[in-house]
Amino acid sequence: GSKHLRVHRHTVPPAVPLAGLAARHLPAPKATDDTEDGSARGQNLDRFVRTLRREIVRYHNRLGVSADLRRRLGLHDTSKTTSSANAIVEVGIADIEAKQIKVTWADERSGRLIMDDDGNVQRLVVFGSQGRDWETTKELFGKYDRMEDIAQRLEEHSAAG
């Protein structure tokens, strides 16, 4: 019988912090918080919806970055064969929030591209059979790189091998 808003059921991806957004923008009112017109104080549906939409769009943009990288590297075509040890054989999402992209080379090196909320590259780490591959990391990642810059270097690195 309460007139305050709450999230009941949803189909929001688990990477979106829905419970935290609801707690921030749709707090449950105390027993004495009802105003004369029956609305609850402190609840802001408009701000909740705008913030929720922004988080969902950011999540889908990060998914799109991974798909664009796969497409650019030619990994959407499954009939393609690898020709060198530097060839990239797999690119995919590595975590539930889609903030990390896993890259796998033909010689079994693996790397992680770590993105911020908006899909900008923050860090790249490459691991080989002997541990961290600092040389490849330095070759592929410069400070303040965009995903397009990383994709171009990955293409060049694969072709050079």
N, C-alpha and C. Protein backbone atom coordinates (compact mmCIF):
# COMPACT_ATOMS: atom_id res chain seq x y z
N GLY A 1 0.80 -1.21 0.00
CA GLY A 1 0.00 0.00 0.00
C GLY A 1 0.83 1.26 0.00
N SER A 2 2.15 1.14 0.00
CA SER A 2 3.02 2.31 0.04
C SER A 2 3.03 3.01 -1.32
N LYS A 3 3.25 4.32 -1.30
CA LYS A 3 3.30 5.09 -2.53
C LYS A 3 4.72 5.37 -3.00
N HIS A 4 5.72 4.82 -2.31
CA HIS A 4 7.09 5.09 -2.74
C HIS A 4 7.50 4.10 -3.84
N LEU A 5 8.46 4.50 -4.64
CA LEU A 5 8.93 3.71 -5.78
C LEU A 5 10.04 2.76 -5.36
N ARG A 6 10.07 1.58 -6.00
CA ARG A 6 11.15 0.63 -5.79
C ARG A 6 11.28 -0.23 -7.04
N VAL A 7 12.41 -0.84 -7.22
CA VAL A 7 12.63 -1.72 -8.36
C VAL A 7 12.10 -3.09 -7.98
N HIS A 8 11.19 -3.61 -8.78
CA HIS A 8 10.57 -4.91 -8.46
C HIS A 8 11.18 -6.02 -9.31
N ARG A 9 11.11 -5.92 -10.62
CA ARG A 9 11.67 -6.90 -11.54
C ARG A 9 12.38 -6.12 -12.63
N HIS A 10 13.41 -6.75 -13.20
CA HIS A 10 14.14 -6.04 -14.25
C HIS A 10 14.87 -7.02 -15.15
N THR A 11 15.29 -6.50 -16.30
CA THR A 11 16.12 -7.26 -17.24
C THR A 11 17.41 -6.51 -17.52
N VAL A 12 17.85 -5.73 -16.57
CA VAL A 12 19.08 -4.95 -16.71
C VAL A 12 20.27 -5.90 -16.60
N PRO A 13 21.30 -5.73 -17.44
CA PRO A 13 22.48 -6.60 -17.35
C PRO A 13 23.10 -6.54 -15.95
N PRO A 14 23.66 -7.66 -15.47
CA PRO A 14 24.22 -7.69 -14.12
C PRO A 14 25.39 -6.73 -13.91
N ALA A 15 25.99 -6.26 -14.97
CA ALA A 15 27.12 -5.33 -14.85
C ALA A 15 26.67 -3.93 -14.45
N VAL A 16 25.40 -3.63 -14.60
CA VAL A 16 24.87 -2.31 -14.25
C VAL A 16 24.50 -2.33 -12.77
N PRO A 17 25.02 -1.40 -11.98
CA PRO A 17 24.79 -1.40 -10.53
C PRO A 17 23.40 -0.90 -10.15
N LEU A 18 22.39 -1.67 -10.52
CA LEU A 18 21.00 -1.26 -10.33
C LEU A 18 20.64 -1.05 -8.86
N ALA A 19 21.06 -1.94 -7.99
CA ALA A 19 20.73 -1.80 -6.57
C ALA A 19 21.31 -0.52 -5.99
N GLY A 20 22.54 -0.20 -6.36
CA GLY A 20 23.17 1.02 -5.88
C GLY A 20 22.48 2.27 -6.41
N LEU A 21 22.09 2.24 -7.69
CA LEU A 21 21.38 3.38 -8.27
C LEU A 21 20.02 3.57 -7.60
N ALA A 22 19.33 2.47 -7.35
CA ALA A 22 18.02 2.56 -6.70
C ALA A 22 18.17 3.08 -5.27
N ALA A 23 19.19 2.62 -4.57
CA ALA A 23 19.41 3.08 -3.19
C ALA A 23 19.72 4.58 -3.17
N ARG A 24 20.45 5.05 -4.18
CA ARG A 24 20.83 6.46 -4.22
C ARG A 24 19.66 7.37 -4.64
N HIS A 25 18.91 6.94 -5.66
CA HIS A 25 17.89 7.82 -6.23
C HIS A 25 16.46 7.48 -5.82
N LEU A 26 16.24 6.26 -5.32
CA LEU A 26 14.90 5.86 -4.89
C LEU A 26 14.91 5.29 -3.48
N PRO A 27 15.46 6.04 -2.52
CA PRO A 27 15.54 5.49 -1.16
C PRO A 27 14.15 5.27 -0.59
N ALA A 28 14.02 4.18 0.18
CA ALA A 28 12.73 3.90 0.83
C ALA A 28 12.48 4.97 1.89
N PRO A 29 11.31 5.57 1.89
CA PRO A 29 11.03 6.63 2.85
C PRO A 29 10.80 6.07 4.25
N LYS A 30 11.09 6.88 5.24
CA LYS A 30 10.78 6.53 6.62
C LYS A 30 9.28 6.72 6.84
N ALA A 31 8.79 6.22 7.92
CA ALA A 31 7.35 6.30 8.20
C ALA A 31 6.84 7.73 8.25
N THR A 32 7.68 8.68 8.61
CA THR A 32 7.26 10.08 8.73
C THR A 32 7.64 10.91 7.51
N ASP A 33 8.06 10.26 6.42
CA ASP A 33 8.55 11.00 5.24
C ASP A 33 7.48 11.33 4.21
N ASP A 34 6.25 10.96 4.40
CA ASP A 34 5.23 11.25 3.39
C ASP A 34 4.82 12.72 3.48
N THR A 35 4.74 13.34 2.32
CA THR A 35 4.32 14.74 2.26
C THR A 35 2.80 14.78 2.16
N GLU A 36 2.25 15.98 2.16
CA GLU A 36 0.80 16.14 2.12
C GLU A 36 0.17 15.54 0.87
N ASP A 37 0.87 15.61 -0.25
CA ASP A 37 0.29 15.08 -1.50
C ASP A 37 0.52 13.58 -1.66
N GLY A 38 1.14 12.92 -0.67
CA GLY A 38 1.32 11.48 -0.71
C GLY A 38 2.60 11.01 -1.39
N SER A 39 3.37 11.92 -1.93
CA SER A 39 4.61 11.51 -2.59
C SER A 39 5.74 11.37 -1.57
N ALA A 40 6.69 10.51 -1.86
CA ALA A 40 7.80 10.29 -0.93
C ALA A 40 8.90 11.32 -1.16
N ARG A 41 9.52 11.73 -0.05
CA ARG A 41 10.64 12.68 -0.15
C ARG A 41 11.91 11.94 -0.54
N GLY A 42 12.78 12.61 -1.24
CA GLY A 42 14.09 12.06 -1.54
C GLY A 42 14.13 11.12 -2.73
N GLN A 43 13.00 10.77 -3.30
CA GLN A 43 13.01 9.90 -4.48
C GLN A 43 12.98 10.76 -5.73
N ASN A 44 13.86 10.43 -6.66
CA ASN A 44 13.95 11.20 -7.88
C ASN A 44 13.96 10.22 -9.06
N LEU A 45 12.79 9.92 -9.56
CA LEU A 45 12.65 8.95 -10.65
C LEU A 45 13.36 9.42 -11.91
N ASP A 46 13.26 10.70 -12.21
CA ASP A 46 13.90 11.24 -13.42
C ASP A 46 15.42 11.03 -13.37
N ARG A 47 16.04 11.37 -12.27
CA ARG A 47 17.50 11.20 -12.13
C ARG A 47 17.87 9.71 -12.15
N PHE A 48 17.06 8.86 -11.51
CA PHE A 48 17.30 7.42 -11.52
C PHE A 48 17.30 6.89 -12.95
N VAL A 49 16.30 7.26 -13.73
CA VAL A 49 16.18 6.76 -15.10
C VAL A 49 17.33 7.28 -15.97
N ARG A 50 17.68 8.54 -15.83
CA ARG A 50 18.79 9.09 -16.62
C ARG A 50 20.11 8.40 -16.28
N THR A 51 20.37 8.18 -14.99
CA THR A 51 21.60 7.51 -14.56
C THR A 51 21.61 6.06 -15.02
N LEU A 52 20.50 5.38 -14.90
CA LEU A 52 20.39 3.99 -15.34
C LEU A 52 20.63 3.88 -16.85
N ARG A 53 20.03 4.77 -17.61
CA ARG A 53 20.23 4.76 -19.06
C ARG A 53 21.70 4.98 -19.41
N ARG A 54 22.35 5.92 -18.74
CA ARG A 54 23.76 6.20 -19.00
C ARG A 54 24.61 4.95 -18.73
N GLU A 55 24.34 4.25 -17.64
CA GLU A 55 25.10 3.04 -17.31
C GLU A 55 24.88 1.93 -18.34
N ILE A 56 23.63 1.77 -18.80
CA ILE A 56 23.34 0.75 -19.81
C ILE A 56 24.02 1.09 -21.13
N VAL A 57 23.99 2.35 -21.52
CA VAL A 57 24.64 2.77 -22.76
C VAL A 57 26.15 2.55 -22.67
N ARG A 58 26.74 2.90 -21.54
CA ARG A 58 28.19 2.67 -21.37
C ARG A 58 28.53 1.19 -21.49
N TYR A 59 27.73 0.33 -20.88
CA TYR A 59 27.94 -1.12 -20.95
C TYR A 59 27.88 -1.60 -22.41
N HIS A 60 26.86 -1.18 -23.13
CA HIS A 60 26.73 -1.60 -24.53
C HIS A 60 27.82 -1.01 -25.41
N ASN A 61 28.29 0.18 -25.10
CA ASN A 61 29.41 0.76 -25.84
C ASN A 61 30.67 -0.07 -25.64
N ARG A 62 30.91 -0.54 -24.40
CA ARG A 62 32.08 -1.38 -24.15
C ARG A 62 31.97 -2.71 -24.90
N LEU A 63 30.77 -3.28 -24.96
CA LEU A 63 30.56 -4.49 -25.76
C LEU A 63 30.85 -4.21 -27.23
N GLY A 64 30.44 -3.05 -27.69
CA GLY A 64 30.67 -2.65 -29.08
C GLY A 64 32.15 -2.49 -29.39
N VAL A 65 32.92 -1.99 -28.44
CA VAL A 65 34.36 -1.83 -28.63
C VAL A 65 34.99 -3.20 -28.90
N SER A 66 34.60 -4.19 -28.14
CA SER A 66 35.12 -5.55 -28.33
C SER A 66 34.73 -6.09 -29.71
N ALA A 67 33.47 -5.91 -30.08
CA ALA A 67 33.00 -6.39 -31.39
C ALA A 67 33.72 -5.67 -32.52
N ASP A 68 33.92 -4.36 -32.38
CA ASP A 68 34.64 -3.59 -33.41
C ASP A 68 36.08 -4.07 -33.54
N LEU A 69 36.72 -4.36 -32.41
CA LEU A 69 38.10 -4.84 -32.45
C LEU A 69 38.17 -6.20 -33.14
N ARG A 70 37.25 -7.10 -32.84
CA ARG A 70 37.20 -8.41 -33.52
C ARG A 70 37.04 -8.23 -35.02
N ARG A 71 36.11 -7.37 -35.40
CA ARG A 71 35.84 -7.14 -36.82
C ARG A 71 37.07 -6.54 -37.51
N ARG A 72 37.68 -5.57 -36.88
CA ARG A 72 38.84 -4.91 -37.48
C ARG A 72 40.01 -5.88 -37.66
N LEU A 73 40.17 -6.79 -36.72
CA LEU A 73 41.26 -7.76 -36.80
C LEU A 73 40.90 -8.97 -37.66
N GLY A 74 39.70 -8.98 -38.23
CA GLY A 74 39.27 -10.05 -39.12
C GLY A 74 38.90 -11.33 -38.42
N LEU A 75 38.54 -11.27 -37.16
CA LEU A 75 38.23 -12.47 -36.40
C LEU A 75 36.77 -12.90 -36.50
N HIS A 76 35.95 -12.12 -37.17
CA HIS A 76 34.55 -12.51 -37.36
C HIS A 76 34.43 -13.59 -38.42
N ASP A 77 35.46 -13.75 -39.26
CA ASP A 77 35.49 -14.78 -40.30
C ASP A 77 36.18 -16.02 -39.73
N THR A 78 35.43 -17.07 -39.46
CA THR A 78 35.98 -18.26 -38.81
C THR A 78 36.79 -19.14 -39.75
N SER A 79 36.72 -18.90 -41.05
CA SER A 79 37.46 -19.74 -42.00
C SER A 79 38.90 -19.28 -42.17
N LYS A 80 39.26 -18.17 -41.57
CA LYS A 80 40.60 -17.60 -41.69
C LYS A 80 41.62 -18.45 -40.92
N THR A 81 42.78 -18.71 -41.53
CA THR A 81 43.83 -19.48 -40.86
C THR A 81 44.94 -18.55 -40.41
N THR A 82 45.64 -18.95 -39.35
CA THR A 82 46.73 -18.13 -38.83
C THR A 82 48.00 -18.44 -39.61
N SER A 83 48.77 -17.40 -39.88
CA SER A 83 49.98 -17.58 -40.69
C SER A 83 51.26 -17.34 -39.90
N SER A 84 51.18 -16.68 -38.76
CA SER A 84 52.39 -16.40 -38.00
C SER A 84 52.13 -16.49 -36.50
N ALA A 85 53.22 -16.51 -35.75
CA ALA A 85 53.10 -16.57 -34.29
C ALA A 85 52.50 -15.28 -33.73
N ASN A 86 52.65 -14.18 -34.45
CA ASN A 86 52.10 -12.90 -34.00
C ASN A 86 50.65 -12.70 -34.40
N ALA A 87 50.07 -13.66 -35.11
CA ALA A 87 48.68 -13.53 -35.53
C ALA A 87 47.76 -13.64 -34.32
N ILE A 88 46.76 -12.80 -34.28
CA ILE A 88 45.78 -12.83 -33.20
C ILE A 88 44.69 -13.83 -33.58
N VAL A 89 44.42 -14.75 -32.67
CA VAL A 89 43.45 -15.80 -32.96
C VAL A 89 42.12 -15.62 -32.21
N GLU A 90 42.12 -14.80 -31.16
CA GLU A 90 40.89 -14.63 -30.40
C GLU A 90 40.87 -13.28 -29.70
N VAL A 91 39.71 -12.66 -29.72
CA VAL A 91 39.45 -11.43 -28.97
C VAL A 91 38.07 -11.58 -28.36
N GLY A 92 37.96 -11.32 -27.06
CA GLY A 92 36.65 -11.44 -26.41
C GLY A 92 36.59 -10.74 -25.08
N ILE A 93 35.39 -10.60 -24.58
CA ILE A 93 35.16 -9.97 -23.28
C ILE A 93 35.67 -10.90 -22.19
N ALA A 94 36.38 -10.34 -21.21
CA ALA A 94 37.00 -11.15 -20.16
C ALA A 94 36.32 -11.02 -18.80
N ASP A 95 35.42 -10.08 -18.63
CA ASP A 95 34.75 -9.91 -17.34
C ASP A 95 33.30 -9.52 -17.54
N ILE A 96 32.52 -9.65 -16.50
CA ILE A 96 31.08 -9.41 -16.59
C ILE A 96 30.73 -7.96 -16.90
N GLU A 97 31.58 -7.03 -16.49
CA GLU A 97 31.31 -5.61 -16.74
C GLU A 97 31.75 -5.17 -18.13
N ALA A 98 32.40 -6.05 -18.87
CA ALA A 98 32.91 -5.76 -20.21
C ALA A 98 33.93 -4.62 -20.18
N LYS A 99 34.71 -4.55 -19.10
CA LYS A 99 35.76 -3.54 -18.99
C LYS A 99 37.13 -4.11 -19.37
N GLN A 100 37.21 -5.42 -19.57
CA GLN A 100 38.46 -6.05 -19.97
C GLN A 100 38.24 -6.88 -21.22
N ILE A 101 39.15 -6.73 -22.17
CA ILE A 101 39.11 -7.51 -23.40
C ILE A 101 40.33 -8.42 -23.40
N LYS A 102 40.10 -9.69 -23.63
CA LYS A 102 41.19 -10.66 -23.68
C LYS A 102 41.60 -10.85 -25.13
N VAL A 103 42.92 -10.81 -25.38
CA VAL A 103 43.48 -11.01 -26.71
C VAL A 103 44.40 -12.23 -26.63
N THR A 104 44.27 -13.15 -27.59
CA THR A 104 45.11 -14.34 -27.61
C THR A 104 45.82 -14.41 -28.96
N TRP A 105 47.14 -14.63 -28.91
CA TRP A 105 47.95 -14.77 -30.11
C TRP A 105 48.13 -16.25 -30.46
N ALA A 106 48.58 -16.53 -31.69
CA ALA A 106 48.79 -17.90 -32.16
C ALA A 106 49.87 -18.62 -31.35
N ASP A 107 50.85 -17.88 -30.84
CA ASP A 107 51.91 -18.50 -30.05
C ASP A 107 51.54 -18.63 -28.57
N GLU A 108 50.24 -18.50 -28.28
CA GLU A 108 49.65 -18.66 -26.95
C GLU A 108 49.97 -17.56 -25.96
N ARG A 109 50.50 -16.44 -26.44
CA ARG A 109 50.57 -15.27 -25.57
C ARG A 109 49.15 -14.76 -25.38
N SER A 110 48.93 -14.11 -24.27
CA SER A 110 47.61 -13.53 -24.04
C SER A 110 47.78 -12.12 -23.49
N GLY A 111 46.79 -11.32 -23.71
CA GLY A 111 46.84 -9.95 -23.24
C GLY A 111 45.48 -9.50 -22.74
N ARG A 112 45.49 -8.47 -21.95
CA ARG A 112 44.26 -7.85 -21.46
C ARG A 112 44.30 -6.36 -21.75
N LEU A 113 43.24 -5.89 -22.38
CA LEU A 113 43.02 -4.46 -22.55
C LEU A 113 42.03 -4.06 -21.48
N ILE A 114 42.39 -3.11 -20.65
CA ILE A 114 41.52 -2.68 -19.56
C ILE A 114 40.97 -1.30 -19.91
N MET A 115 39.63 -1.20 -19.90
CA MET A 115 38.96 0.03 -20.31
C MET A 115 38.31 0.72 -19.11
N ASP A 116 38.08 2.01 -19.27
CA ASP A 116 37.31 2.73 -18.25
C ASP A 116 35.82 2.57 -18.55
N ASP A 117 34.98 3.28 -17.83
CA ASP A 117 33.53 3.16 -18.01
C ASP A 117 33.07 3.51 -19.41
N ASP A 118 33.79 4.39 -20.08
CA ASP A 118 33.38 4.87 -21.40
C ASP A 118 34.05 4.13 -22.55
N GLY A 119 34.87 3.12 -22.28
CA GLY A 119 35.48 2.34 -23.34
C GLY A 119 36.84 2.84 -23.80
N ASN A 120 37.45 3.76 -23.06
CA ASN A 120 38.79 4.23 -23.39
C ASN A 120 39.82 3.32 -22.73
N VAL A 121 40.90 3.05 -23.45
CA VAL A 121 41.92 2.12 -22.95
C VAL A 121 42.72 2.77 -21.83
N GLN A 122 42.79 2.09 -20.69
CA GLN A 122 43.59 2.56 -19.56
C GLN A 122 44.91 1.83 -19.46
N ARG A 123 44.88 0.54 -19.81
CA ARG A 123 46.08 -0.27 -19.62
C ARG A 123 46.04 -1.48 -20.55
N LEU A 124 47.22 -1.93 -20.95
CA LEU A 124 47.37 -3.15 -21.73
C LEU A 124 48.45 -3.98 -21.07
N VAL A 125 48.16 -5.26 -20.85
CA VAL A 125 49.11 -6.17 -20.24
C VAL A 125 49.21 -7.39 -21.15
N VAL A 126 50.45 -7.83 -21.43
CA VAL A 126 50.66 -9.02 -22.26
C VAL A 126 51.47 -10.03 -21.47
N PHE A 127 51.02 -11.29 -21.52
CA PHE A 127 51.70 -12.39 -20.85
C PHE A 127 52.13 -13.43 -21.87
N GLY A 128 53.38 -13.89 -21.74
CA GLY A 128 53.89 -14.96 -22.57
C GLY A 128 54.15 -16.19 -21.73
N SER A 129 54.85 -17.17 -22.29
CA SER A 129 55.12 -18.41 -21.56
C SER A 129 56.07 -18.19 -20.38
N GLN A 130 56.86 -17.14 -20.44
CA GLN A 130 57.82 -16.83 -19.38
C GLN A 130 57.31 -15.77 -18.40
N GLY A 131 56.04 -15.46 -18.46
CA GLY A 131 55.49 -14.42 -17.58
C GLY A 131 55.13 -13.18 -18.37
N ARG A 132 55.25 -12.05 -17.73
CA ARG A 132 54.86 -10.78 -18.35
C ARG A 132 55.77 -10.45 -19.52
N ASP A 133 55.18 -10.09 -20.64
CA ASP A 133 55.92 -9.73 -21.86
C ASP A 133 55.97 -8.21 -21.97
N TRP A 134 56.98 -7.63 -21.35
CA TRP A 134 57.11 -6.17 -21.30
C TRP A 134 57.39 -5.58 -22.67
N GLU A 135 58.16 -6.28 -23.49
CA GLU A 135 58.54 -5.76 -24.81
C GLU A 135 57.31 -5.58 -25.71
N THR A 136 56.47 -6.60 -25.77
CA THR A 136 55.26 -6.49 -26.59
C THR A 136 54.31 -5.44 -26.03
N THR A 137 54.22 -5.37 -24.71
CA THR A 137 53.37 -4.37 -24.08
C THR A 137 53.81 -2.96 -24.48
N LYS A 138 55.12 -2.70 -24.42
CA LYS A 138 55.63 -1.37 -24.79
C LYS A 138 55.41 -1.08 -26.27
N GLU A 139 55.53 -2.12 -27.10
CA GLU A 139 55.36 -1.96 -28.54
C GLU A 139 53.91 -1.62 -28.90
N LEU A 140 52.96 -2.20 -28.17
CA LEU A 140 51.55 -2.04 -28.51
C LEU A 140 50.85 -0.90 -27.80
N PHE A 141 51.31 -0.52 -26.63
CA PHE A 141 50.55 0.44 -25.82
C PHE A 141 51.38 1.66 -25.47
N GLY A 142 50.84 2.82 -25.82
CA GLY A 142 51.42 4.10 -25.43
C GLY A 142 50.49 4.79 -24.47
N LYS A 143 50.96 5.79 -23.82
CA LYS A 143 50.13 6.50 -22.84
C LYS A 143 48.98 7.22 -23.55
N TYR A 144 47.80 7.15 -22.96
CA TYR A 144 46.60 7.83 -23.45
C TYR A 144 46.16 7.36 -24.84
N ASP A 145 46.28 6.08 -25.10
CA ASP A 145 45.84 5.54 -26.39
C ASP A 145 44.33 5.35 -26.45
N ARG A 146 43.81 5.53 -27.66
CA ARG A 146 42.42 5.20 -27.93
C ARG A 146 42.39 3.77 -28.46
N MET A 147 41.23 3.16 -28.47
CA MET A 147 41.11 1.79 -28.95
C MET A 147 41.52 1.68 -30.41
N GLU A 148 41.26 2.70 -31.21
CA GLU A 148 41.64 2.69 -32.62
C GLU A 148 43.16 2.60 -32.78
N ASP A 149 43.90 3.30 -31.90
CA ASP A 149 45.36 3.25 -31.94
C ASP A 149 45.86 1.85 -31.61
N ILE A 150 45.28 1.25 -30.58
CA ILE A 150 45.67 -0.10 -30.18
C ILE A 150 45.36 -1.09 -31.31
N ALA A 151 44.18 -0.97 -31.92
CA ALA A 151 43.79 -1.87 -33.01
C ALA A 151 44.77 -1.77 -34.17
N GLN A 152 45.16 -0.55 -34.50
CA GLN A 152 46.12 -0.37 -35.60
C GLN A 152 47.46 -1.03 -35.27
N ARG A 153 47.94 -0.85 -34.05
CA ARG A 153 49.21 -1.47 -33.66
C ARG A 153 49.10 -2.99 -33.62
N LEU A 154 47.95 -3.51 -33.18
CA LEU A 154 47.75 -4.95 -33.18
C LEU A 154 47.78 -5.51 -34.61
N GLU A 155 47.15 -4.79 -35.53
CA GLU A 155 47.18 -5.20 -36.95
C GLU A 155 48.61 -5.21 -37.48
N GLU A 156 49.34 -4.13 -37.20
CA GLU A 156 50.73 -4.04 -37.68
C GLU A 156 51.60 -5.12 -37.04
N HIS A 157 51.41 -5.37 -35.77
CA HIS A 157 52.19 -6.39 -35.05
C HIS A 157 51.91 -7.78 -35.62
N SER A 158 50.64 -8.06 -35.94
CA SER A 158 50.28 -9.36 -36.50
C SER A 158 50.87 -9.53 -37.90
N ALA A 159 50.86 -8.46 -38.69
CA ALA A 159 51.39 -8.53 -40.06
C ALA A 159 52.92 -8.65 -40.06
N ALA A 160 53.59 -8.08 -39.05
CA ALA A 160 55.04 -8.08 -39.00
C ALA A 160 55.62 -9.46 -38.64
N GLY A 161 54.81 -10.27 -37.97
CA GLY A 161 55.29 -11.57 -37.47
C GLY A 161 55.45 -12.55 -38.55
